[in-house]
Amino acid sequence: MNRLGRPRRGAGAGARPGPGGSRAALGALAGVVGALVGALPVAAAPAGYVAPAGCAKPVGVHTAGTPWATELLGPRRVWPLSTGSGVRVAVLGTGVDARNAQFRPGQVEAGRDVLANTARATDDCDGRGTFAAGLIAARPHDETTFAGLAPGVSVLPVRYAQSTKQGEGAVDPARLAAAIDFAVAARARVIYVVLPATRITAGLRAATARAIAADVVVVSPAASGARTGGATSYPTALPGVLAVGAFGPDGAVASTESGDHIGVAAPGRQLLSLSAGAGGRLGHSPTVDDPAYAAAYVAGTAALVRSYRPKLTAAEVVRRIESTAHRTAFDGHHPQLGWGMVDPYRAVAAEGVEDPPGTVGASAQPVAAARANPDARADPRVPSLVLAGLVAALLLGIGRAVARRGRARGWRPGG
């Protein structure tokens, strides 16, 4: 048994399933999730408010079928323990539109606009910052099954990037560094970098180091081929940053960046969240494929842990999230999925995870083991196998959703 109570590789439940069984299980997963996602209705878009021309706006209100990522991560299971209350999460990106009814009044703070050098970033023509913040902080609402992972947090929006008429502009490392410094000065306990840079500078390296030294959990997504061609991103690859890979509902890896620095993975395709431009009403975005949003779930998990276990240092929070991740098909480190899929409930509730002060971190031992066993890292089946062990949990959640919808239509099981 390993230190977390899991069988070691090749013994009992830790042995790898055959490729045929894994493909069959993942086929069932993809079919059920695809059918669920494809059939989710939305209500009409909010009336009485028109977003500025060219800006993000809602397509409607998500009215049925809990999103697959929410079913998989199970936030309602952890909410009796923690909602992230008392934790300020800095969402560094394009701003956050505070005028969406799933943000509670005052939940989105004024923040900072680095681009305009002004003291407010509570609007978001681009829309990506609002989408990211919704995955973390959207509160439960009677009119929708969508909710964020940590609805008790406060959100500190910092704008340092936005789309342009020519398309998505490159992230300026100097502006990103300024955004990180502002978040640290504003006493954010978690920083989520929505849009990492594709190159490193001394200034960005120093700002990230200052955040780590200030006991802030810095979460940043792995690069995706659509934006960077698989190149290394920053601050994702810097020491101390919790780097996040992504996967889709079919179990396929969604991010392209790889390396020893990837910490954990989370859903990054077919995601639904809040839309900017709702004008004080409820409003949701179209379904989005963007691996960068996987890091929102990990930032939310970090906030849940920091709220429930306030004495933990940022480094201990990172170790806890990595140590409690699902590693169902491998006991080491995968170059694109890290230590496995983030598990918010285990990250908050598991006991005996922290390392004794002054000892080597829990994550250091699996790294050494993975390097000593390169076959586990190179096996092309691993990205699929890591999700195969989660099929039962996801199907159980989907079954509950289907049952709820069936009861609403008047049928009862067993007759």
Protein backbone atom coordinates (compact mmCIF):
# COMPACT_ATOMS: atom_id res chain seq x y z
CA MET A 1 0.00 0.00 0.00
CA ASN A 2 1.20 3.52 -0.64
CA ARG A 3 1.09 6.36 1.90
CA LEU A 4 -2.46 7.34 0.92
CA GLY A 5 -3.82 3.83 1.35
CA ARG A 6 -3.98 2.94 -2.36
CA PRO A 7 -2.61 -0.40 -3.62
CA ARG A 8 0.73 -0.07 -5.35
CA ARG A 9 0.98 -0.48 -9.11
CA GLY A 10 0.35 -4.05 -10.28
CA ALA A 11 -1.37 -5.20 -7.08
CA GLY A 12 -5.11 -5.73 -6.74
CA ALA A 13 -7.15 -2.65 -7.59
CA GLY A 14 -4.01 -0.83 -8.68
CA ALA A 15 -3.41 -3.15 -11.66
CA ARG A 16 -4.11 -1.68 -15.07
CA PRO A 17 -7.24 -2.88 -16.86
CA GLY A 18 -6.90 -4.31 -20.34
CA PRO A 19 -7.22 -1.90 -23.26
CA GLY A 20 -10.39 -3.53 -24.55
CA GLY A 21 -12.24 -3.08 -21.27
CA SER A 22 -11.07 0.51 -20.99
CA ARG A 23 -12.23 1.37 -24.50
CA ALA A 24 -15.62 -0.20 -23.84
CA ALA A 25 -16.06 1.70 -20.59
CA LEU A 26 -15.00 4.97 -22.16
CA GLY A 27 -17.31 4.33 -25.10
CA ALA A 28 -20.22 4.04 -22.70
CA LEU A 29 -19.07 7.18 -20.89
CA ALA A 30 -18.78 9.19 -24.08
CA GLY A 31 -22.16 8.01 -25.36
CA VAL A 32 -24.06 8.78 -22.19
CA VAL A 33 -22.37 12.12 -21.58
CA GLY A 34 -22.76 13.11 -25.22
CA ALA A 35 -26.46 12.31 -25.17
CA LEU A 36 -26.92 14.27 -21.96
CA VAL A 37 -24.94 17.30 -23.10
CA GLY A 38 -26.56 17.37 -26.51
CA ALA A 39 -30.09 17.41 -25.14
CA LEU A 40 -29.84 20.13 -22.52
CA PRO A 41 -32.50 22.82 -23.00
CA VAL A 42 -32.03 26.49 -22.30
CA ALA A 43 -34.63 29.14 -21.72
CA ALA A 44 -34.84 32.31 -23.78
CA ALA A 45 -32.16 34.95 -23.30
CA PRO A 46 -32.94 37.66 -20.72
CA ALA A 47 -35.10 40.49 -22.05
CA GLY A 48 -34.77 44.19 -21.41
CA TYR A 49 -31.00 44.47 -21.66
CA VAL A 50 -28.79 44.48 -24.75
CA ALA A 51 -25.06 43.93 -24.42
CA PRO A 52 -22.87 46.45 -26.25
CA ALA A 53 -22.24 45.59 -29.89
CA GLY A 54 -19.44 43.08 -30.28
CA CYS A 55 -19.44 42.11 -26.60
CA ALA A 56 -20.24 38.79 -24.97
CA LYS A 57 -23.91 38.17 -24.23
CA PRO A 58 -25.94 35.24 -22.84
CA VAL A 59 -27.65 32.72 -25.09
CA GLY A 60 -30.24 31.93 -22.43
CA VAL A 61 -30.62 30.29 -19.02
CA HIS A 62 -29.51 26.70 -18.48
CA THR A 63 -32.69 25.05 -17.22
CA ALA A 64 -32.14 21.29 -16.98
CA GLY A 65 -29.50 18.62 -16.81
CA THR A 66 -26.61 19.24 -14.45
CA PRO A 67 -23.49 19.95 -16.55
CA TRP A 68 -21.23 16.90 -16.86
CA ALA A 69 -18.28 18.58 -15.15
CA THR A 70 -20.46 19.45 -12.16
CA GLU A 71 -21.73 15.87 -11.91
CA LEU A 72 -18.17 14.59 -12.06
CA LEU A 73 -16.72 16.92 -9.42
CA GLY A 74 -19.73 16.82 -7.06
CA PRO A 75 -19.62 20.25 -5.39
CA ARG A 76 -22.80 19.68 -3.38
CA ARG A 77 -21.04 16.89 -1.55
CA VAL A 78 -18.40 19.27 -0.20
CA TRP A 79 -20.59 22.31 0.50
CA PRO A 80 -21.67 21.09 3.98
CA LEU A 81 -17.97 21.35 4.88
CA SER A 82 -16.85 24.34 2.82
CA THR A 83 -18.16 26.77 0.23
CA GLY A 84 -14.95 28.80 0.18
CA SER A 85 -16.35 31.42 2.54
CA GLY A 86 -13.81 34.00 3.66
CA VAL A 87 -11.41 33.34 0.78
CA ARG A 88 -10.64 35.97 -1.85
CA VAL A 89 -9.91 34.47 -5.28
CA ALA A 90 -8.24 36.74 -7.81
CA VAL A 91 -9.41 35.98 -11.34
CA LEU A 92 -6.75 37.38 -13.66
CA GLY A 93 -7.99 37.77 -17.21
CA THR A 94 -10.46 40.03 -19.02
CA GLY A 95 -12.46 41.39 -16.08
CA VAL A 96 -15.61 39.95 -14.51
CA ASP A 97 -19.11 41.27 -15.24
CA ALA A 98 -20.61 41.56 -11.76
CA ARG A 99 -24.12 42.07 -13.19
CA ASN A 100 -25.12 38.43 -13.41
CA ALA A 101 -27.77 37.23 -10.97
CA GLN A 102 -25.73 34.17 -10.02
CA PHE A 103 -23.16 36.39 -8.36
CA ARG A 104 -24.44 37.49 -4.98
CA PRO A 105 -24.47 41.24 -4.30
CA GLY A 106 -20.96 42.40 -3.47
CA GLN A 107 -19.37 39.05 -4.28
CA VAL A 108 -17.38 40.53 -7.17
CA GLU A 109 -15.08 43.24 -5.84
CA ALA A 110 -13.93 46.31 -7.76
CA GLY A 111 -10.57 44.85 -8.71
CA ARG A 112 -8.15 46.50 -11.11
CA ASP A 113 -7.88 47.21 -14.83
CA VAL A 114 -4.18 46.96 -15.67
CA LEU A 115 -4.83 47.80 -19.32
CA ALA A 116 -6.54 51.12 -18.57
CA ASN A 117 -4.76 51.70 -15.25
CA THR A 118 -8.07 52.20 -13.46
CA ALA A 119 -9.47 50.88 -10.20
CA ARG A 120 -12.32 48.76 -11.54
CA ALA A 121 -12.65 45.60 -13.65
CA THR A 122 -16.31 44.70 -13.07
CA ASP A 123 -17.27 44.80 -16.74
CA ASP A 124 -16.16 42.25 -19.32
CA CYS A 125 -16.85 42.79 -23.01
CA ASP A 126 -14.55 39.86 -23.83
CA GLY A 127 -16.46 37.42 -21.60
CA ARG A 128 -13.73 34.96 -20.69
CA GLY A 129 -13.11 36.34 -17.22
CA THR A 130 -16.81 36.15 -16.35
CA PHE A 131 -17.01 32.58 -17.63
CA ALA A 132 -13.98 31.61 -15.53
CA ALA A 133 -15.30 33.33 -12.40
CA GLY A 134 -18.67 31.62 -12.81
CA LEU A 135 -17.08 28.17 -12.72
CA ILE A 136 -15.62 29.09 -9.35
CA ALA A 137 -18.13 31.37 -7.67
CA ALA A 138 -21.64 31.20 -9.19
CA ARG A 139 -24.14 30.64 -6.40
CA PRO A 140 -26.94 28.04 -6.63
CA HIS A 141 -30.10 29.47 -8.18
CA ASP A 142 -33.62 28.05 -8.36
CA GLU A 143 -33.87 28.66 -12.11
CA THR A 144 -30.79 26.68 -13.14
CA THR A 145 -28.87 23.49 -12.36
CA PHE A 146 -25.55 25.25 -12.96
CA ALA A 147 -23.53 26.48 -9.98
CA GLY A 148 -19.88 27.21 -9.30
CA LEU A 149 -17.62 24.99 -7.26
CA ALA A 150 -17.00 27.44 -4.39
CA PRO A 151 -19.95 29.88 -4.20
CA GLY A 152 -18.87 31.32 -0.86
CA VAL A 153 -15.71 32.99 -2.17
CA SER A 154 -15.25 36.63 -3.02
CA VAL A 155 -13.93 37.39 -6.50
CA LEU A 156 -11.21 39.93 -7.21
CA PRO A 157 -11.20 40.66 -10.97
CA VAL A 158 -8.00 41.90 -12.58
CA ARG A 159 -7.98 42.73 -16.29
CA TYR A 160 -4.71 42.50 -18.18
CA ALA A 161 -5.89 41.06 -21.53
CA GLN A 162 -8.83 41.24 -23.92
CA SER A 163 -9.83 40.32 -27.45
CA THR A 164 -9.26 42.84 -30.23
CA LYS A 165 -10.88 43.45 -33.62
CA GLN A 166 -8.08 41.37 -35.11
CA GLY A 167 -8.81 38.46 -32.77
CA GLU A 168 -7.21 37.36 -29.54
CA GLY A 169 -4.21 39.46 -28.63
CA ALA A 170 -1.00 38.00 -27.22
CA VAL A 171 -0.64 38.18 -23.45
CA ASP A 172 1.89 40.79 -22.37
CA PRO A 173 4.05 39.26 -19.59
CA ALA A 174 4.62 42.70 -18.05
CA ARG A 175 0.88 43.30 -17.68
CA LEU A 176 0.38 39.80 -16.30
CA ALA A 177 3.14 40.46 -13.77
CA ALA A 178 1.41 43.69 -12.72
CA ALA A 179 -1.87 41.81 -12.34
CA ILE A 180 -0.22 39.23 -10.08
CA ASP A 181 1.38 41.95 -7.95
CA PHE A 182 -1.98 43.72 -7.54
CA ALA A 183 -3.68 40.47 -6.46
CA VAL A 184 -0.98 39.85 -3.86
CA ALA A 185 -1.25 43.42 -2.54
CA ALA A 186 -5.05 42.99 -2.31
CA ARG A 187 -4.52 39.91 -0.14
CA ALA A 188 -5.97 37.32 -2.46
CA ARG A 189 -5.36 33.83 -1.07
CA VAL A 190 -5.80 32.13 -4.45
CA ILE A 191 -4.74 33.54 -7.83
CA TYR A 192 -6.18 32.02 -11.00
CA VAL A 193 -4.41 33.03 -14.20
CA VAL A 194 -7.02 32.59 -16.92
CA LEU A 195 -4.71 33.52 -19.81
CA PRO A 196 -1.06 32.56 -19.31
CA ALA A 197 1.77 34.03 -21.37
CA THR A 198 3.69 32.10 -24.00
CA ARG A 199 7.04 33.55 -23.00
CA ILE A 200 8.78 34.21 -19.73
CA THR A 201 10.38 37.46 -18.62
CA ALA A 202 12.34 38.38 -15.52
CA GLY A 203 9.43 40.52 -14.37
CA LEU A 204 6.85 37.74 -14.64
CA ARG A 205 9.18 35.29 -12.93
CA ALA A 206 9.76 37.74 -10.07
CA ALA A 207 6.06 38.57 -9.64
CA THR A 208 5.19 34.87 -9.47
CA ALA A 209 7.94 34.27 -6.93
CA ARG A 210 6.61 37.15 -4.82
CA ALA A 211 3.13 35.60 -4.86
CA ILE A 212 4.49 32.21 -3.79
CA ALA A 213 6.53 33.86 -1.03
CA ALA A 214 3.39 35.68 0.15
CA ASP A 215 1.67 32.31 0.75
CA VAL A 216 -0.71 32.61 -2.19
CA VAL A 217 -1.87 29.54 -4.13
CA VAL A 218 -1.16 30.37 -7.78
CA VAL A 219 -3.14 28.26 -10.28
CA SER A 220 -2.44 28.42 -14.01
CA PRO A 221 -3.63 26.30 -16.96
CA ALA A 222 -1.54 24.18 -19.28
CA ALA A 223 -1.33 25.41 -22.85
CA SER A 224 -3.69 24.13 -25.53
CA GLY A 225 -2.76 23.61 -29.16
CA ALA A 226 -5.49 25.94 -30.36
CA ARG A 227 -3.68 28.89 -28.82
CA THR A 228 -0.04 28.00 -28.39
CA GLY A 229 0.72 24.90 -30.42
CA GLY A 230 1.58 22.97 -27.28
CA ALA A 231 4.34 25.32 -26.15
CA THR A 232 5.18 25.88 -22.51
CA SER A 233 3.15 28.62 -20.83
CA TYR A 234 3.89 30.96 -17.93
CA PRO A 235 3.51 31.19 -15.01
CA THR A 236 2.22 27.61 -15.48
CA ALA A 237 5.71 26.13 -15.74
CA LEU A 238 7.28 28.14 -12.91
CA PRO A 239 8.21 26.58 -9.54
CA GLY A 240 5.48 26.59 -6.92
CA VAL A 241 2.62 27.16 -9.38
CA LEU A 242 -0.20 24.60 -9.45
CA ALA A 243 -0.30 23.78 -13.17
CA VAL A 244 -3.52 22.25 -14.50
CA GLY A 245 -4.07 19.92 -17.44
CA ALA A 246 -7.48 19.27 -18.99
CA PHE A 247 -9.65 16.46 -20.36
CA GLY A 248 -13.02 16.23 -22.06
CA PRO A 249 -16.16 14.17 -21.37
CA ASP A 250 -14.85 11.44 -23.68
CA GLY A 251 -11.75 11.01 -21.52
CA ALA A 252 -9.38 12.47 -24.10
CA VAL A 253 -6.67 14.87 -22.99
CA ALA A 254 -7.64 18.42 -23.97
CA SER A 255 -4.45 20.33 -23.13
CA THR A 256 -1.20 19.96 -25.04
CA GLU A 257 1.44 21.23 -22.63
CA SER A 258 3.29 18.45 -20.83
CA GLY A 259 6.02 18.00 -18.28
CA ASP A 260 6.85 17.30 -14.66
CA HIS A 261 5.33 20.65 -13.67
CA ILE A 262 1.72 19.61 -14.44
CA GLY A 263 0.03 19.11 -11.07
CA VAL A 264 -3.52 17.84 -11.64
CA ALA A 265 -6.22 17.79 -14.31
CA ALA A 266 -9.86 18.89 -14.53
CA PRO A 267 -12.67 19.17 -17.11
CA GLY A 268 -11.79 21.47 -20.02
CA ARG A 269 -14.28 20.73 -22.80
CA GLN A 270 -18.05 21.13 -23.27
CA LEU A 271 -18.21 23.51 -20.33
CA LEU A 272 -21.04 25.85 -19.40
CA SER A 273 -20.83 28.91 -17.18
CA LEU A 274 -22.02 32.47 -16.62
CA SER A 275 -22.09 34.96 -19.46
CA ALA A 276 -21.14 38.60 -19.37
CA GLY A 277 -23.78 41.01 -20.61
CA ALA A 278 -26.70 39.67 -18.55
CA GLY A 279 -27.57 43.13 -17.25
CA GLY A 280 -28.50 42.08 -13.73
CA ARG A 281 -30.42 38.98 -14.78
CA LEU A 282 -29.49 35.33 -14.97
CA GLY A 283 -27.63 34.45 -18.15
CA HIS A 284 -25.41 31.64 -19.36
CA SER A 285 -22.90 31.25 -22.15
CA PRO A 286 -22.87 28.81 -25.04
CA THR A 287 -21.04 25.54 -24.38
CA VAL A 288 -17.30 26.17 -24.63
CA ASP A 289 -14.24 24.04 -25.37
CA ASP A 290 -11.26 25.69 -23.69
CA PRO A 291 -8.72 23.76 -21.59
CA ALA A 292 -7.74 26.99 -19.79
CA TYR A 293 -10.98 26.81 -17.82
CA ALA A 294 -9.94 23.51 -16.20
CA ALA A 295 -7.80 25.59 -13.87
CA ALA A 296 -10.95 27.32 -12.57
CA TYR A 297 -12.06 24.07 -10.94
CA VAL A 298 -8.67 23.68 -9.30
CA ALA A 299 -8.64 27.29 -8.11
CA GLY A 300 -12.10 26.68 -6.65
CA THR A 301 -10.83 23.55 -4.92
CA ALA A 302 -7.93 25.51 -3.45
CA ALA A 303 -10.42 28.06 -2.07
CA LEU A 304 -12.52 25.30 -0.52
CA VAL A 305 -9.43 23.89 1.20
CA ARG A 306 -8.17 27.28 2.39
CA SER A 307 -11.58 28.05 3.91
CA TYR A 308 -11.91 24.69 5.70
CA ARG A 309 -8.24 24.38 6.70
CA PRO A 310 -7.07 27.99 7.19
CA LYS A 311 -3.83 27.02 8.93
CA LEU A 312 -2.41 25.25 5.89
CA THR A 313 0.26 27.07 3.93
CA ALA A 314 -0.13 27.53 0.19
CA ALA A 315 2.44 24.81 -0.44
CA GLU A 316 0.50 22.43 1.81
CA VAL A 317 -2.72 23.22 -0.05
CA VAL A 318 -1.03 22.38 -3.35
CA ARG A 319 0.35 19.10 -1.94
CA ARG A 320 -3.08 18.20 -0.58
CA ILE A 321 -4.79 18.78 -3.94
CA GLU A 322 -2.16 16.73 -5.75
CA SER A 323 -2.12 13.94 -3.14
CA THR A 324 -5.90 13.49 -3.15
CA ALA A 325 -6.34 13.53 -6.93
CA HIS A 326 -7.70 10.41 -8.66
CA ARG A 327 -4.84 8.35 -10.08
CA THR A 328 -6.96 5.33 -10.89
CA ALA A 329 -4.85 3.85 -13.69
CA PHE A 330 -1.37 4.83 -12.55
CA ASP A 331 0.33 5.55 -9.27
CA GLY A 332 2.84 7.99 -10.65
CA HIS A 333 2.85 11.22 -12.59
CA HIS A 334 1.42 11.65 -16.07
CA PRO A 335 3.03 14.40 -18.19
CA GLN A 336 -0.30 15.94 -19.27
CA LEU A 337 -2.68 14.97 -16.44
CA GLY A 338 -0.26 15.36 -13.54
CA TRP A 339 -1.26 13.35 -10.48
CA GLY A 340 -4.78 12.75 -11.81
CA MET A 341 -8.22 14.35 -11.68
CA VAL A 342 -8.84 16.89 -8.96
CA ASP A 343 -11.23 15.69 -6.24
CA PRO A 344 -12.69 18.66 -4.33
CA TYR A 345 -14.29 16.58 -1.58
CA ARG A 346 -11.17 14.53 -0.81
CA ALA A 347 -9.00 17.63 -0.98
CA VAL A 348 -11.11 19.20 1.76
CA ALA A 349 -12.06 16.21 3.89
CA ALA A 350 -9.21 13.67 3.68
CA GLU A 351 -7.16 13.28 6.84
CA GLY A 352 -3.47 12.43 7.13
CA VAL A 353 -2.50 14.04 3.83
CA GLU A 354 -0.21 16.86 4.92
CA ASP A 355 3.48 16.11 5.31
CA PRO A 356 5.15 16.65 8.69
CA PRO A 357 6.95 20.02 8.85
CA GLY A 358 10.48 19.90 7.56
CA THR A 359 10.08 16.67 5.58
CA VAL A 360 10.07 16.03 1.86
CA GLY A 361 6.68 16.80 0.29
CA ALA A 362 4.33 13.99 -0.67
CA SER A 363 4.56 14.93 -4.31
CA ALA A 364 8.33 14.47 -4.40
CA GLN A 365 8.19 10.70 -3.92
CA PRO A 366 5.82 9.95 -6.84
CA VAL A 367 7.93 12.18 -9.10
CA ALA A 368 10.98 10.05 -8.39
CA ALA A 369 8.97 6.87 -8.91
CA ALA A 370 7.61 8.11 -12.23
CA ARG A 371 11.07 8.97 -13.49
CA ALA A 372 12.28 5.52 -12.47
CA ASN A 373 9.38 3.90 -14.35
CA PRO A 374 9.11 5.74 -17.69
CA ASP A 375 6.74 3.10 -19.10
CA ALA A 376 3.96 4.42 -16.87
CA ARG A 377 4.43 7.90 -18.31
CA ALA A 378 4.80 6.89 -21.95
CA ASP A 379 1.85 4.47 -22.16
CA PRO A 380 -0.57 6.05 -24.69
CA ARG A 381 -3.49 4.41 -22.89
CA VAL A 382 -2.95 6.36 -19.68
CA PRO A 383 -4.95 9.49 -20.64
CA SER A 384 -8.00 7.29 -21.26
CA LEU A 385 -7.42 4.93 -18.36
CA VAL A 386 -7.36 7.75 -15.84
CA LEU A 387 -10.99 8.45 -16.74
CA ALA A 388 -12.03 4.81 -16.99
CA GLY A 389 -12.02 4.45 -13.22
CA LEU A 390 -14.42 7.40 -12.99
CA VAL A 391 -17.08 5.99 -15.34
CA ALA A 392 -19.14 4.48 -12.54
CA ALA A 393 -19.16 7.69 -10.53
CA LEU A 394 -20.18 9.78 -13.51
CA LEU A 395 -22.87 7.34 -14.63
CA LEU A 396 -24.26 7.33 -11.10
CA GLY A 397 -24.50 11.12 -11.17
CA ILE A 398 -26.09 11.10 -14.61
CA GLY A 399 -28.56 8.47 -13.45
CA ARG A 400 -29.61 10.73 -10.62
CA ALA A 401 -30.09 13.63 -13.04
CA VAL A 402 -32.19 11.48 -15.38
CA ALA A 403 -34.27 10.27 -12.45
CA ARG A 404 -34.93 13.83 -11.34
CA ARG A 405 -36.06 14.76 -14.83
CA GLY A 406 -38.24 11.66 -15.02
CA ARG A 407 -39.95 12.41 -11.73
CA ALA A 408 -40.63 15.93 -12.97
CA ARG A 409 -42.42 14.37 -15.94
CA GLY A 410 -44.56 12.20 -13.71
CA TRP A 411 -43.03 8.69 -13.91
CA ARG A 412 -41.88 6.61 -10.98
CA PRO A 413 -39.35 3.78 -10.92
CA GLY A 414 -40.51 0.19 -10.62
CA GLY A 415 -43.89 0.40 -12.33
